[in-house]
Amino acid sequence: MLKVLLKKLRENARIPTRGSSAAAGYDLYACLDEPVVIEPQTTVKIGTGITAAIPDGYFAACFARSGLASRQGLRPANCVGVVDSDYRGEYIVALYNDSNVPRTVQDGDRIAQLVIMPYLQVEFEEADELPDTQRGAGGFGSTGK
C-alpha cells in the first residue's frame, strides 16, 4: 500500500476517509471557523486544513462528490483539481454553486474526493509530420452515431 504523509494545519482538520474499502476516492472535509454561504453561480475557496506529501510519480486529483453535486449543485470550480507531488500548501477546494439558491458549507462537511494517481513523465518531440490513422483529424462526435 502506498504511504502518503499528511499534516493537519489546524486542530479541527479531518483526515480524508473512504466510504468503503473499494472506494477509489478519499473524502475531503471542510475545515472552517464558521459556516460559509456560496451564492448561486459563484465560487468560494474552502480550506481543508490539511497538506500532504504525495510520492514522486503520483499526483492527487480532486474530484466532485457525486451526491453533493447532484443534490446541492456544488462541485469543484475547475472540475478536476490537480495537486502536484511537490506542493506543500493547504489543500483548498474552489467550490462552485451550480444551483439557483445559496448553499451553506459547514465545518466538517465532505466537499470533494481525492484520488491518488500515477502519471507518466514524457518528453515532447516536435515533428514535421505525424503518422496517419484511420480516424485522422475527425473530432467531436466523428466516431459515434
N, C-alpha and C. Protein backbone atom coordinates (compact mmCIF):
# COMPACT_ATOMS: atom_id res chain seq x y z
N MET A 1 0.84 -1.18 0.00
CA MET A 1 0.00 0.00 0.00
C MET A 1 0.88 1.24 0.00
N LEU A 2 0.53 2.21 -0.82
CA LEU A 2 1.27 3.47 -0.92
C LEU A 2 1.06 4.29 0.35
N LYS A 3 2.13 4.78 0.94
CA LYS A 3 2.04 5.62 2.13
C LYS A 3 2.12 7.09 1.71
N VAL A 4 1.21 7.90 2.22
CA VAL A 4 1.18 9.33 1.95
C VAL A 4 1.26 10.05 3.30
N LEU A 5 2.29 10.86 3.47
CA LEU A 5 2.41 11.65 4.70
C LEU A 5 1.41 12.79 4.64
N LEU A 6 0.70 13.00 5.73
CA LEU A 6 -0.32 14.03 5.80
C LEU A 6 -0.12 14.85 7.06
N LYS A 7 -0.34 16.15 6.96
CA LYS A 7 -0.17 17.02 8.12
C LYS A 7 -1.44 17.85 8.30
N LYS A 8 -1.94 17.88 9.54
CA LYS A 8 -3.05 18.77 9.87
C LYS A 8 -2.48 20.17 10.11
N LEU A 9 -3.07 21.15 9.45
CA LEU A 9 -2.63 22.53 9.62
C LEU A 9 -3.46 23.25 10.69
N ARG A 10 -4.62 22.71 10.99
CA ARG A 10 -5.50 23.28 12.02
C ARG A 10 -6.06 22.13 12.87
N GLU A 11 -6.36 22.44 14.11
CA GLU A 11 -6.81 21.41 15.04
C GLU A 11 -8.09 20.72 14.60
N ASN A 12 -9.01 21.47 13.97
CA ASN A 12 -10.30 20.89 13.57
C ASN A 12 -10.27 20.20 12.20
N ALA A 13 -9.09 20.10 11.60
CA ALA A 13 -8.97 19.41 10.31
C ALA A 13 -9.23 17.93 10.47
N ARG A 14 -9.79 17.33 9.43
CA ARG A 14 -10.08 15.89 9.45
C ARG A 14 -9.26 15.18 8.39
N ILE A 15 -8.77 14.01 8.72
CA ILE A 15 -8.01 13.20 7.77
C ILE A 15 -9.00 12.63 6.75
N PRO A 16 -8.65 12.63 5.46
CA PRO A 16 -9.55 12.09 4.43
C PRO A 16 -9.92 10.63 4.73
N THR A 17 -11.16 10.28 4.39
CA THR A 17 -11.66 8.93 4.64
C THR A 17 -12.33 8.38 3.39
N ARG A 18 -12.41 7.04 3.32
CA ARG A 18 -13.13 6.38 2.23
C ARG A 18 -14.48 5.89 2.73
N GLY A 19 -15.46 5.90 1.83
CA GLY A 19 -16.79 5.44 2.17
C GLY A 19 -16.89 3.93 2.25
N SER A 20 -16.00 3.23 1.56
CA SER A 20 -15.97 1.76 1.60
C SER A 20 -14.56 1.30 1.28
N SER A 21 -14.29 0.03 1.51
CA SER A 21 -12.94 -0.49 1.27
C SER A 21 -12.58 -0.52 -0.22
N ALA A 22 -13.57 -0.44 -1.10
CA ALA A 22 -13.31 -0.45 -2.54
C ALA A 22 -13.36 0.95 -3.16
N ALA A 23 -13.62 1.97 -2.35
CA ALA A 23 -13.71 3.34 -2.88
C ALA A 23 -12.34 3.83 -3.33
N ALA A 24 -12.29 4.41 -4.53
CA ALA A 24 -11.04 4.97 -5.05
C ALA A 24 -10.75 6.33 -4.45
N GLY A 25 -11.81 7.08 -4.13
CA GLY A 25 -11.66 8.44 -3.64
C GLY A 25 -11.74 8.52 -2.12
N TYR A 26 -11.00 9.46 -1.57
CA TYR A 26 -11.00 9.75 -0.14
C TYR A 26 -11.70 11.09 0.05
N ASP A 27 -12.72 11.11 0.89
CA ASP A 27 -13.47 12.34 1.12
C ASP A 27 -12.61 13.40 1.78
N LEU A 28 -12.69 14.62 1.23
CA LEU A 28 -12.05 15.78 1.82
C LEU A 28 -13.11 16.55 2.60
N TYR A 29 -12.73 17.05 3.77
CA TYR A 29 -13.66 17.73 4.66
C TYR A 29 -13.35 19.22 4.75
N ALA A 30 -14.40 20.02 4.80
CA ALA A 30 -14.24 21.45 5.01
C ALA A 30 -13.68 21.68 6.41
N CYS A 31 -12.74 22.60 6.51
CA CYS A 31 -12.16 22.98 7.79
C CYS A 31 -12.40 24.49 7.94
N LEU A 32 -13.47 24.82 8.67
CA LEU A 32 -13.93 26.20 8.74
C LEU A 32 -14.09 26.68 10.17
N ASP A 33 -13.88 27.97 10.39
CA ASP A 33 -14.15 28.57 11.70
C ASP A 33 -15.62 28.91 11.85
N GLU A 34 -16.30 29.13 10.71
CA GLU A 34 -17.73 29.44 10.71
C GLU A 34 -18.31 28.99 9.37
N PRO A 35 -19.63 28.77 9.29
CA PRO A 35 -20.24 28.35 8.03
C PRO A 35 -19.98 29.36 6.91
N VAL A 36 -19.91 28.85 5.69
CA VAL A 36 -19.68 29.69 4.51
C VAL A 36 -20.86 29.52 3.56
N VAL A 37 -21.42 30.64 3.12
CA VAL A 37 -22.52 30.62 2.16
C VAL A 37 -21.94 30.84 0.77
N ILE A 38 -22.33 29.95 -0.15
CA ILE A 38 -21.92 30.09 -1.55
C ILE A 38 -23.17 30.49 -2.33
N GLU A 39 -23.16 31.71 -2.83
CA GLU A 39 -24.29 32.23 -3.60
C GLU A 39 -24.40 31.50 -4.94
N PRO A 40 -25.59 31.52 -5.55
CA PRO A 40 -25.76 30.86 -6.86
C PRO A 40 -24.77 31.40 -7.90
N GLN A 41 -24.25 30.48 -8.69
CA GLN A 41 -23.36 30.81 -9.80
C GLN A 41 -22.08 31.53 -9.36
N THR A 42 -21.63 31.23 -8.15
CA THR A 42 -20.37 31.81 -7.65
C THR A 42 -19.47 30.71 -7.11
N THR A 43 -18.21 31.07 -6.92
CA THR A 43 -17.18 30.17 -6.41
C THR A 43 -16.62 30.69 -5.11
N VAL A 44 -16.42 29.80 -4.15
CA VAL A 44 -15.78 30.14 -2.88
C VAL A 44 -14.71 29.09 -2.60
N LYS A 45 -13.54 29.55 -2.18
CA LYS A 45 -12.46 28.63 -1.81
C LYS A 45 -12.68 28.14 -0.39
N ILE A 46 -12.70 26.81 -0.24
CA ILE A 46 -12.94 26.17 1.06
C ILE A 46 -11.68 25.40 1.46
N GLY A 47 -11.11 25.77 2.58
CA GLY A 47 -9.92 25.08 3.08
C GLY A 47 -10.26 23.74 3.70
N THR A 48 -9.30 22.83 3.64
CA THR A 48 -9.46 21.51 4.26
C THR A 48 -8.62 21.37 5.54
N GLY A 49 -7.69 22.30 5.75
CA GLY A 49 -6.86 22.24 6.94
C GLY A 49 -5.79 21.17 6.90
N ILE A 50 -5.55 20.59 5.71
CA ILE A 50 -4.53 19.55 5.60
C ILE A 50 -3.58 19.87 4.45
N THR A 51 -2.43 19.26 4.51
CA THR A 51 -1.48 19.24 3.41
C THR A 51 -0.88 17.83 3.39
N ALA A 52 -0.29 17.46 2.27
CA ALA A 52 0.24 16.09 2.15
C ALA A 52 1.50 16.09 1.30
N ALA A 53 2.27 15.03 1.45
CA ALA A 53 3.47 14.81 0.64
C ALA A 53 3.16 13.62 -0.27
N ILE A 54 2.69 13.92 -1.46
CA ILE A 54 2.38 12.88 -2.44
C ILE A 54 3.71 12.35 -2.98
N PRO A 55 3.91 11.04 -3.04
CA PRO A 55 5.18 10.49 -3.52
C PRO A 55 5.46 10.89 -4.98
N ASP A 56 6.71 11.00 -5.32
CA ASP A 56 7.12 11.27 -6.70
C ASP A 56 6.50 10.23 -7.63
N GLY A 57 6.10 10.67 -8.81
CA GLY A 57 5.49 9.78 -9.78
C GLY A 57 3.98 9.67 -9.63
N TYR A 58 3.43 10.39 -8.64
CA TYR A 58 1.99 10.40 -8.38
C TYR A 58 1.51 11.84 -8.28
N PHE A 59 0.22 12.03 -8.37
CA PHE A 59 -0.41 13.31 -8.08
C PHE A 59 -1.74 13.04 -7.42
N ALA A 60 -2.31 14.04 -6.79
CA ALA A 60 -3.63 13.92 -6.19
C ALA A 60 -4.62 14.63 -7.10
N ALA A 61 -5.68 13.94 -7.48
CA ALA A 61 -6.74 14.53 -8.29
C ALA A 61 -7.94 14.78 -7.38
N CYS A 62 -8.46 15.98 -7.43
CA CYS A 62 -9.59 16.38 -6.60
C CYS A 62 -10.84 16.41 -7.47
N PHE A 63 -11.77 15.50 -7.20
CA PHE A 63 -13.00 15.35 -7.98
C PHE A 63 -14.21 15.76 -7.16
N ALA A 64 -15.33 15.99 -7.87
CA ALA A 64 -16.60 16.27 -7.21
C ALA A 64 -17.08 15.03 -6.47
N ARG A 65 -17.82 15.25 -5.41
CA ARG A 65 -18.55 14.16 -4.76
C ARG A 65 -19.90 14.10 -5.46
N SER A 66 -20.26 12.93 -5.95
CA SER A 66 -21.45 12.82 -6.79
C SER A 66 -22.72 13.25 -6.05
N GLY A 67 -22.85 12.90 -4.78
CA GLY A 67 -24.04 13.28 -4.02
C GLY A 67 -24.14 14.79 -3.82
N LEU A 68 -23.02 15.42 -3.51
CA LEU A 68 -23.00 16.87 -3.31
C LEU A 68 -23.33 17.60 -4.61
N ALA A 69 -22.80 17.11 -5.70
CA ALA A 69 -23.05 17.75 -7.00
C ALA A 69 -24.50 17.56 -7.44
N SER A 70 -25.02 16.34 -7.29
CA SER A 70 -26.37 16.06 -7.80
C SER A 70 -27.46 16.60 -6.88
N ARG A 71 -27.23 16.60 -5.57
CA ARG A 71 -28.27 17.05 -4.64
C ARG A 71 -28.22 18.55 -4.35
N GLN A 72 -27.00 19.10 -4.28
CA GLN A 72 -26.87 20.51 -3.90
C GLN A 72 -26.30 21.39 -5.00
N GLY A 73 -25.80 20.80 -6.06
CA GLY A 73 -25.24 21.60 -7.15
C GLY A 73 -23.87 22.18 -6.84
N LEU A 74 -23.15 21.58 -5.88
CA LEU A 74 -21.81 22.07 -5.54
C LEU A 74 -20.76 21.13 -6.12
N ARG A 75 -19.78 21.72 -6.81
CA ARG A 75 -18.71 20.95 -7.44
C ARG A 75 -17.44 21.79 -7.48
N PRO A 76 -16.29 21.14 -7.61
CA PRO A 76 -15.07 21.93 -7.78
C PRO A 76 -15.18 22.81 -9.03
N ALA A 77 -14.82 24.07 -8.89
CA ALA A 77 -14.96 25.03 -9.98
C ALA A 77 -14.14 24.64 -11.21
N ASN A 78 -12.99 24.03 -10.99
CA ASN A 78 -12.14 23.64 -12.11
C ASN A 78 -12.41 22.21 -12.56
N CYS A 79 -13.51 21.64 -12.09
CA CYS A 79 -13.97 20.27 -12.41
C CYS A 79 -13.06 19.21 -11.84
N VAL A 80 -11.79 19.22 -12.17
CA VAL A 80 -10.82 18.30 -11.56
C VAL A 80 -9.59 19.12 -11.18
N GLY A 81 -9.28 19.10 -9.90
CA GLY A 81 -8.08 19.79 -9.44
C GLY A 81 -6.90 18.84 -9.45
N VAL A 82 -5.74 19.36 -9.79
CA VAL A 82 -4.51 18.56 -9.82
C VAL A 82 -3.56 19.11 -8.76
N VAL A 83 -3.15 18.24 -7.84
CA VAL A 83 -2.19 18.62 -6.80
C VAL A 83 -0.90 17.87 -7.09
N ASP A 84 0.13 18.61 -7.47
CA ASP A 84 1.42 18.00 -7.80
C ASP A 84 2.13 17.51 -6.55
N SER A 85 3.05 16.56 -6.75
CA SER A 85 3.73 15.93 -5.61
C SER A 85 4.62 16.89 -4.84
N ASP A 86 5.04 18.00 -5.45
CA ASP A 86 5.92 18.93 -4.75
C ASP A 86 5.15 20.07 -4.06
N TYR A 87 3.83 20.06 -4.11
CA TYR A 87 3.02 21.10 -3.44
C TYR A 87 2.91 20.78 -1.96
N ARG A 88 3.16 21.77 -1.11
CA ARG A 88 3.09 21.56 0.33
C ARG A 88 2.13 22.53 1.03
N GLY A 89 1.34 23.26 0.29
CA GLY A 89 0.38 24.16 0.90
C GLY A 89 -0.90 23.45 1.28
N GLU A 90 -1.82 24.21 1.87
CA GLU A 90 -3.11 23.66 2.26
C GLU A 90 -3.90 23.22 1.03
N TYR A 91 -4.55 22.09 1.14
CA TYR A 91 -5.45 21.64 0.09
C TYR A 91 -6.73 22.46 0.20
N ILE A 92 -7.02 23.20 -0.84
CA ILE A 92 -8.17 24.09 -0.90
C ILE A 92 -9.03 23.69 -2.08
N VAL A 93 -10.33 23.60 -1.86
CA VAL A 93 -11.27 23.25 -2.92
C VAL A 93 -12.07 24.49 -3.27
N ALA A 94 -11.98 24.92 -4.53
CA ALA A 94 -12.79 26.04 -5.01
C ALA A 94 -14.15 25.46 -5.40
N LEU A 95 -15.16 25.64 -4.53
CA LEU A 95 -16.48 25.08 -4.78
C LEU A 95 -17.34 26.06 -5.56
N TYR A 96 -17.96 25.57 -6.62
CA TYR A 96 -18.86 26.38 -7.44
C TYR A 96 -20.28 25.93 -7.19
N ASN A 97 -21.19 26.89 -7.05
CA ASN A 97 -22.60 26.60 -6.82
C ASN A 97 -23.34 26.70 -8.15
N ASP A 98 -23.65 25.54 -8.74
CA ASP A 98 -24.39 25.48 -10.00
C ASP A 98 -25.88 25.71 -9.81
N SER A 99 -26.37 25.71 -8.57
CA SER A 99 -27.81 25.82 -8.33
C SER A 99 -28.27 27.28 -8.38
N ASN A 100 -29.56 27.47 -8.19
CA ASN A 100 -30.14 28.81 -8.19
C ASN A 100 -30.46 29.31 -6.79
N VAL A 101 -29.96 28.60 -5.78
CA VAL A 101 -30.18 29.01 -4.38
C VAL A 101 -28.85 29.02 -3.64
N PRO A 102 -28.71 29.87 -2.62
CA PRO A 102 -27.48 29.86 -1.83
C PRO A 102 -27.31 28.51 -1.13
N ARG A 103 -26.09 28.05 -1.03
CA ARG A 103 -25.77 26.80 -0.33
C ARG A 103 -24.79 27.12 0.79
N THR A 104 -24.96 26.44 1.92
CA THR A 104 -24.10 26.66 3.08
C THR A 104 -23.20 25.46 3.30
N VAL A 105 -21.92 25.72 3.49
CA VAL A 105 -20.95 24.68 3.81
C VAL A 105 -20.57 24.86 5.27
N GLN A 106 -20.66 23.77 6.02
CA GLN A 106 -20.35 23.78 7.45
C GLN A 106 -18.99 23.12 7.68
N ASP A 107 -18.38 23.44 8.80
CA ASP A 107 -17.15 22.76 9.21
C ASP A 107 -17.43 21.25 9.27
N GLY A 108 -16.56 20.46 8.67
CA GLY A 108 -16.69 19.01 8.69
C GLY A 108 -17.51 18.43 7.55
N ASP A 109 -18.12 19.28 6.71
CA ASP A 109 -18.84 18.77 5.54
C ASP A 109 -17.87 18.14 4.55
N ARG A 110 -18.29 17.05 3.92
CA ARG A 110 -17.49 16.43 2.87
C ARG A 110 -17.70 17.26 1.60
N ILE A 111 -16.61 17.80 1.04
CA ILE A 111 -16.72 18.76 -0.06
C ILE A 111 -16.16 18.28 -1.39
N ALA A 112 -15.35 17.25 -1.39
CA ALA A 112 -14.76 16.74 -2.63
C ALA A 112 -14.14 15.39 -2.30
N GLN A 113 -13.64 14.72 -3.33
CA GLN A 113 -12.93 13.46 -3.08
C GLN A 113 -11.57 13.51 -3.77
N LEU A 114 -10.60 12.95 -3.08
CA LEU A 114 -9.21 12.96 -3.53
C LEU A 114 -8.83 11.56 -3.98
N VAL A 115 -8.24 11.46 -5.17
CA VAL A 115 -7.77 10.18 -5.70
C VAL A 115 -6.28 10.34 -5.99
N ILE A 116 -5.46 9.46 -5.46
CA ILE A 116 -4.02 9.48 -5.72
C ILE A 116 -3.77 8.63 -6.96
N MET A 117 -3.10 9.23 -7.96
CA MET A 117 -2.94 8.56 -9.26
C MET A 117 -1.49 8.66 -9.74
N PRO A 118 -1.00 7.60 -10.40
CA PRO A 118 0.32 7.69 -11.03
C PRO A 118 0.21 8.48 -12.33
N TYR A 119 1.32 8.99 -12.79
CA TYR A 119 1.35 9.67 -14.09
C TYR A 119 2.65 9.30 -14.81
N LEU A 120 2.62 9.48 -16.09
CA LEU A 120 3.80 9.21 -16.91
C LEU A 120 4.53 10.51 -17.21
N GLN A 121 5.82 10.50 -17.05
CA GLN A 121 6.62 11.63 -17.49
C GLN A 121 6.95 11.39 -18.95
N VAL A 122 6.75 12.40 -19.76
CA VAL A 122 7.00 12.27 -21.19
C VAL A 122 7.93 13.37 -21.65
N GLU A 123 8.51 13.16 -22.79
CA GLU A 123 9.33 14.18 -23.43
C GLU A 123 8.68 14.45 -24.78
N PHE A 124 8.30 15.69 -25.00
CA PHE A 124 7.69 16.06 -26.28
C PHE A 124 8.78 16.30 -27.31
N GLU A 125 8.57 15.74 -28.48
CA GLU A 125 9.50 15.92 -29.58
C GLU A 125 8.72 16.50 -30.76
N GLU A 126 9.14 17.65 -31.20
CA GLU A 126 8.46 18.29 -32.32
C GLU A 126 8.72 17.51 -33.61
N ALA A 127 7.66 17.36 -34.42
CA ALA A 127 7.77 16.62 -35.67
C ALA A 127 7.12 17.43 -36.79
N ASP A 128 7.63 17.26 -38.01
CA ASP A 128 7.02 17.93 -39.16
C ASP A 128 5.74 17.22 -39.59
N GLU A 129 5.67 15.92 -39.38
CA GLU A 129 4.50 15.12 -39.75
C GLU A 129 4.24 14.09 -38.66
N LEU A 130 2.98 13.67 -38.55
CA LEU A 130 2.60 12.60 -37.63
C LEU A 130 2.13 11.40 -38.43
N PRO A 131 2.25 10.19 -37.86
CA PRO A 131 1.77 9.01 -38.57
C PRO A 131 0.26 9.11 -38.83
N ASP A 132 -0.20 8.65 -39.99
CA ASP A 132 -1.62 8.66 -40.32
C ASP A 132 -2.35 7.59 -39.51
N THR A 133 -3.65 7.84 -39.26
CA THR A 133 -4.53 6.86 -38.63
C THR A 133 -5.83 6.82 -39.42
N GLN A 134 -6.63 5.79 -39.19
CA GLN A 134 -7.92 5.70 -39.88
C GLN A 134 -8.82 6.87 -39.50
N ARG A 135 -8.79 7.30 -38.26
CA ARG A 135 -9.63 8.41 -37.81
C ARG A 135 -9.14 9.75 -38.35
N GLY A 136 -7.85 9.92 -38.40
CA GLY A 136 -7.31 11.20 -38.87
C GLY A 136 -7.63 12.34 -37.92
N ALA A 137 -8.07 13.46 -38.46
CA ALA A 137 -8.34 14.65 -37.66
C ALA A 137 -9.80 14.77 -37.22
N GLY A 138 -10.60 13.71 -37.43
CA GLY A 138 -12.01 13.77 -37.02
C GLY A 138 -12.13 13.92 -35.52
N GLY A 139 -12.90 14.90 -35.09
CA GLY A 139 -13.07 15.17 -33.66
C GLY A 139 -14.52 15.21 -33.28
N PHE A 140 -14.82 15.67 -32.11
CA PHE A 140 -16.16 15.89 -31.56
C PHE A 140 -17.27 15.14 -32.25
N GLY A 141 -17.45 13.89 -31.88
CA GLY A 141 -18.55 13.09 -32.39
C GLY A 141 -18.29 12.40 -33.72
N SER A 142 -17.07 12.47 -34.20
CA SER A 142 -16.80 11.90 -35.53
C SER A 142 -16.78 10.37 -35.54
N THR A 143 -16.64 9.73 -34.37
CA THR A 143 -16.60 8.26 -34.35
C THR A 143 -17.93 7.64 -33.90
N GLY A 144 -18.87 8.45 -33.47
CA GLY A 144 -20.14 7.94 -32.97
C GLY A 144 -21.27 8.21 -33.95
N LYS A 145 -22.45 7.75 -33.57
CA LYS A 145 -23.63 7.98 -34.41
C LYS A 145 -24.53 8.99 -33.76
